Amino acid sequence: MPAIPSFAEEQQLWSQSTMAVAGLDEAGRGPWAGPVYAAAVIFPAGLDASKLHGLTDSKLLTRTARDRWFEVIKSLAAGFGISKTEAEEIDRIGIVPATKRAMLLAISQLASCSHILCDAMSFNPIDFLLLPPAQQAEVSHLINHQKSYVRGEQISLSIAAASVLAKVSRDREMCQLDERYPRYGFSRHKGYGTREHQQTLLRYGPCPLHRVSFKPIKQLLEVGL
């Protein structure tokens, strides 16, 4: 049974007068098509956790629940940021740097941030070079104020909240992109490597949303589709 996230990690920092604690997570690292999204969420220090009862890893929530939590999180948050890296950039720099770039851009949208709690990702000095100089200056201090967790969405409510904002934002964009590229069924599989997606790729070949550096797409291109 999945663990229930809490404010335990945040409270340790709040008790040390570190108030602007951001949860950070991504959505869309694995799909074959579309952008990778990231979100950062800061809740007011001391927020009553009961107001977030039932919030957990976005992947464990139904679509209806995610949509509801999306609005609740935005209404309760002291601040949040949502960003993305497009497929073309993913192909250029790789999925891990692209994910970190989206995360750092999301953080840069916050009015202030003292510490980050991140799901399964940590940052080193070279990662900040993924940003324009002005934004590097805004977030580079966090190199010494970060903590990473395995399955962080099931530990920290701030990370769980970020996972919801990132996933809902990405899913909604993939539904919009489905209207532009209706052959591929993006509104159903969101770019993941489902059987339906594989079959449409074999029939039509990749579209501009596909990550051509990913092995399944690269193999299709190599055989001339």
Foldseek 3Di string as FASTA:
>chain_A
DFAAADCVVVLVCVVVVQFFEKEKEWPDLAFQFWKIKMKIFGAGPPPDCVLVPPQFAPVPDDPVVLVVLLVSRVVGTPDMFMFIAALVVCLVPNSLLRNLLNRLRGVLRGPAHDAYEYEPDADDQVSLVSDPPVSSVRCVVHNVHYDYDHRCRSYHVNNSSRNSNNVNVLLVVQVVVCVVVVLQPCNPVVRHDDPSNLVSCVVPNDDPRGNCNDVVNVVSVVVPD
